[in-house]
N, C-alpha and C. Protein backbone atom coordinates (compact mmCIF):
# COMPACT_ATOMS: atom_id res chain seq x y z
N MET A 1 0.85 -1.16 0.00
CA MET A 1 0.00 0.00 0.00
C MET A 1 0.90 1.24 0.00
N ARG A 2 0.54 2.19 -0.84
CA ARG A 2 1.30 3.43 -0.95
C ARG A 2 0.37 4.62 -0.75
N VAL A 3 0.80 5.60 0.02
CA VAL A 3 0.04 6.81 0.27
C VAL A 3 0.39 7.82 -0.82
N VAL A 4 -0.65 8.38 -1.46
CA VAL A 4 -0.46 9.36 -2.52
C VAL A 4 -1.20 10.63 -2.12
N VAL A 5 -0.52 11.77 -2.21
CA VAL A 5 -1.15 13.06 -1.92
C VAL A 5 -0.99 13.95 -3.15
N ASP A 6 -2.09 14.51 -3.60
CA ASP A 6 -2.05 15.50 -4.68
C ASP A 6 -1.82 16.85 -4.01
N PHE A 7 -0.58 17.30 -4.02
CA PHE A 7 -0.22 18.52 -3.31
C PHE A 7 -0.79 19.78 -3.98
N LYS A 8 -1.28 19.65 -5.21
CA LYS A 8 -1.97 20.78 -5.86
C LYS A 8 -3.34 21.00 -5.23
N LEU A 9 -3.93 19.93 -4.71
CA LEU A 9 -5.24 20.02 -4.06
C LEU A 9 -5.13 20.25 -2.55
N CYS A 10 -4.07 19.73 -1.95
CA CYS A 10 -3.92 19.74 -0.49
C CYS A 10 -3.85 21.17 0.05
N GLU A 11 -4.65 21.43 1.08
CA GLU A 11 -4.64 22.72 1.76
C GLU A 11 -4.00 22.63 3.15
N SER A 12 -3.39 21.49 3.45
CA SER A 12 -2.74 21.27 4.74
C SER A 12 -3.68 21.56 5.91
N ASN A 13 -4.90 21.05 5.82
CA ASN A 13 -5.88 21.20 6.88
C ASN A 13 -5.52 20.38 8.11
N ALA A 14 -4.68 19.40 7.94
CA ALA A 14 -4.13 18.56 9.02
C ALA A 14 -5.13 17.59 9.63
N LEU A 15 -6.26 17.38 9.00
CA LEU A 15 -7.17 16.35 9.51
C LEU A 15 -6.50 14.99 9.45
N CYS A 16 -5.75 14.74 8.39
CA CYS A 16 -5.04 13.47 8.26
C CYS A 16 -3.98 13.30 9.34
N VAL A 17 -3.35 14.40 9.74
CA VAL A 17 -2.33 14.35 10.79
C VAL A 17 -2.96 13.87 12.10
N GLY A 18 -4.15 14.34 12.39
CA GLY A 18 -4.83 13.93 13.60
C GLY A 18 -5.25 12.47 13.58
N ILE A 19 -5.52 11.95 12.39
CA ILE A 19 -5.98 10.56 12.25
C ILE A 19 -4.81 9.59 12.16
N ALA A 20 -3.76 9.97 11.43
CA ALA A 20 -2.61 9.07 11.21
C ALA A 20 -1.30 9.84 11.41
N PRO A 21 -0.99 10.20 12.66
CA PRO A 21 0.21 11.00 12.91
C PRO A 21 1.53 10.30 12.62
N SER A 22 1.52 8.99 12.50
CA SER A 22 2.76 8.29 12.16
C SER A 22 3.02 8.33 10.66
N VAL A 23 2.03 8.79 9.89
CA VAL A 23 2.18 8.85 8.43
C VAL A 23 2.26 10.29 7.93
N PHE A 24 1.55 11.20 8.58
CA PHE A 24 1.49 12.58 8.13
C PHE A 24 1.93 13.54 9.24
N GLU A 25 2.52 14.67 8.84
CA GLU A 25 2.78 15.76 9.76
C GLU A 25 2.84 17.06 8.97
N LEU A 26 2.77 18.17 9.68
CA LEU A 26 2.96 19.47 9.06
C LEU A 26 4.38 19.93 9.36
N ASP A 27 5.05 20.51 8.35
CA ASP A 27 6.40 21.00 8.57
C ASP A 27 6.35 22.38 9.23
N ASP A 28 7.48 23.01 9.39
CA ASP A 28 7.56 24.31 10.07
C ASP A 28 6.80 25.42 9.34
N ASN A 29 6.53 25.20 8.05
CA ASN A 29 5.78 26.17 7.26
C ASN A 29 4.32 25.77 7.10
N ASP A 30 3.88 24.79 7.89
CA ASP A 30 2.50 24.29 7.86
C ASP A 30 2.12 23.63 6.54
N TYR A 31 3.09 23.00 5.89
CA TYR A 31 2.81 22.21 4.69
C TYR A 31 2.82 20.73 5.07
N LEU A 32 1.94 19.98 4.44
CA LEU A 32 1.84 18.56 4.73
C LEU A 32 3.08 17.81 4.25
N VAL A 33 3.54 16.89 5.08
CA VAL A 33 4.67 16.02 4.76
C VAL A 33 4.22 14.59 4.99
N ILE A 34 4.56 13.70 4.05
CA ILE A 34 4.30 12.27 4.22
C ILE A 34 5.53 11.66 4.88
N LEU A 35 5.35 11.15 6.08
CA LEU A 35 6.46 10.56 6.82
C LEU A 35 6.75 9.14 6.36
N ASP A 36 5.73 8.43 5.94
CA ASP A 36 5.87 7.02 5.55
C ASP A 36 4.98 6.77 4.35
N GLU A 37 5.58 6.76 3.15
CA GLU A 37 4.80 6.58 1.92
C GLU A 37 4.28 5.16 1.75
N GLU A 38 4.91 4.19 2.42
CA GLU A 38 4.49 2.80 2.31
C GLU A 38 4.28 2.20 3.70
N PRO A 39 3.26 2.67 4.41
CA PRO A 39 3.01 2.17 5.77
C PRO A 39 2.51 0.73 5.77
N GLY A 40 2.58 0.11 6.92
CA GLY A 40 2.13 -1.27 7.07
C GLY A 40 0.62 -1.39 7.02
N GLU A 41 0.18 -2.61 6.78
CA GLU A 41 -1.25 -2.91 6.68
C GLU A 41 -2.01 -2.58 7.97
N ASP A 42 -1.30 -2.56 9.08
CA ASP A 42 -1.95 -2.26 10.35
C ASP A 42 -2.50 -0.84 10.40
N LEU A 43 -2.06 0.02 9.48
CA LEU A 43 -2.54 1.40 9.43
C LEU A 43 -3.62 1.63 8.37
N ARG A 44 -4.00 0.57 7.66
CA ARG A 44 -4.97 0.73 6.56
C ARG A 44 -6.27 1.39 7.03
N ALA A 45 -6.82 0.98 8.14
CA ALA A 45 -8.10 1.56 8.61
C ALA A 45 -7.94 3.05 8.91
N ASP A 46 -6.85 3.43 9.55
CA ASP A 46 -6.60 4.84 9.83
C ASP A 46 -6.42 5.63 8.55
N LEU A 47 -5.71 5.06 7.60
CA LEU A 47 -5.48 5.76 6.33
C LEU A 47 -6.77 5.90 5.52
N LYS A 48 -7.61 4.89 5.55
CA LYS A 48 -8.91 5.02 4.89
C LYS A 48 -9.73 6.13 5.54
N ALA A 49 -9.64 6.25 6.85
CA ALA A 49 -10.33 7.34 7.55
C ALA A 49 -9.74 8.69 7.16
N ALA A 50 -8.43 8.77 6.99
CA ALA A 50 -7.79 10.01 6.57
C ALA A 50 -8.21 10.39 5.15
N VAL A 51 -8.28 9.41 4.27
CA VAL A 51 -8.75 9.65 2.90
C VAL A 51 -10.17 10.21 2.93
N ALA A 52 -11.03 9.60 3.72
CA ALA A 52 -12.43 10.02 3.80
C ALA A 52 -12.57 11.40 4.44
N ALA A 53 -11.68 11.74 5.37
CA ALA A 53 -11.79 13.01 6.10
C ALA A 53 -11.21 14.20 5.33
N CYS A 54 -10.40 13.94 4.33
CA CYS A 54 -9.74 15.03 3.60
C CYS A 54 -10.78 15.88 2.87
N PRO A 55 -10.92 17.16 3.24
CA PRO A 55 -11.95 18.00 2.62
C PRO A 55 -11.70 18.30 1.14
N LYS A 56 -10.46 18.17 0.69
CA LYS A 56 -10.14 18.43 -0.72
C LYS A 56 -9.95 17.14 -1.52
N GLN A 57 -10.15 16.00 -0.89
CA GLN A 57 -9.96 14.69 -1.53
C GLN A 57 -8.58 14.59 -2.19
N ALA A 58 -7.57 15.05 -1.46
CA ALA A 58 -6.22 15.08 -1.98
C ALA A 58 -5.41 13.83 -1.66
N ILE A 59 -5.95 12.95 -0.82
CA ILE A 59 -5.23 11.76 -0.39
C ILE A 59 -5.86 10.52 -1.02
N SER A 60 -5.01 9.62 -1.48
CA SER A 60 -5.51 8.34 -1.98
C SER A 60 -4.52 7.24 -1.57
N LEU A 61 -4.98 6.02 -1.68
CA LEU A 61 -4.14 4.85 -1.40
C LEU A 61 -3.99 4.05 -2.67
N ALA A 62 -2.79 3.63 -2.97
CA ALA A 62 -2.53 2.81 -4.13
C ALA A 62 -2.00 1.46 -3.65
N ASP A 63 -2.58 0.41 -4.14
CA ASP A 63 -2.09 -0.94 -3.82
C ASP A 63 -1.19 -1.38 -4.97
N ASP A 64 0.09 -1.48 -4.66
CA ASP A 64 1.06 -1.86 -5.70
C ASP A 64 1.18 -3.35 -5.84
């Protein structure tokens, strides 16, 4: 599983950070950073929640 963020759509609302802080964070300039682009399956439920919570639909999951 790979986390994909369309940074053209992302507004760094940080909802995903609250849901999956081991995968997402905001940098010093309040821009979203992906900490782990290929997280383990144990985080799939949290990542699906982050995808659903994103107000700009900028996050997706790709199964490679």
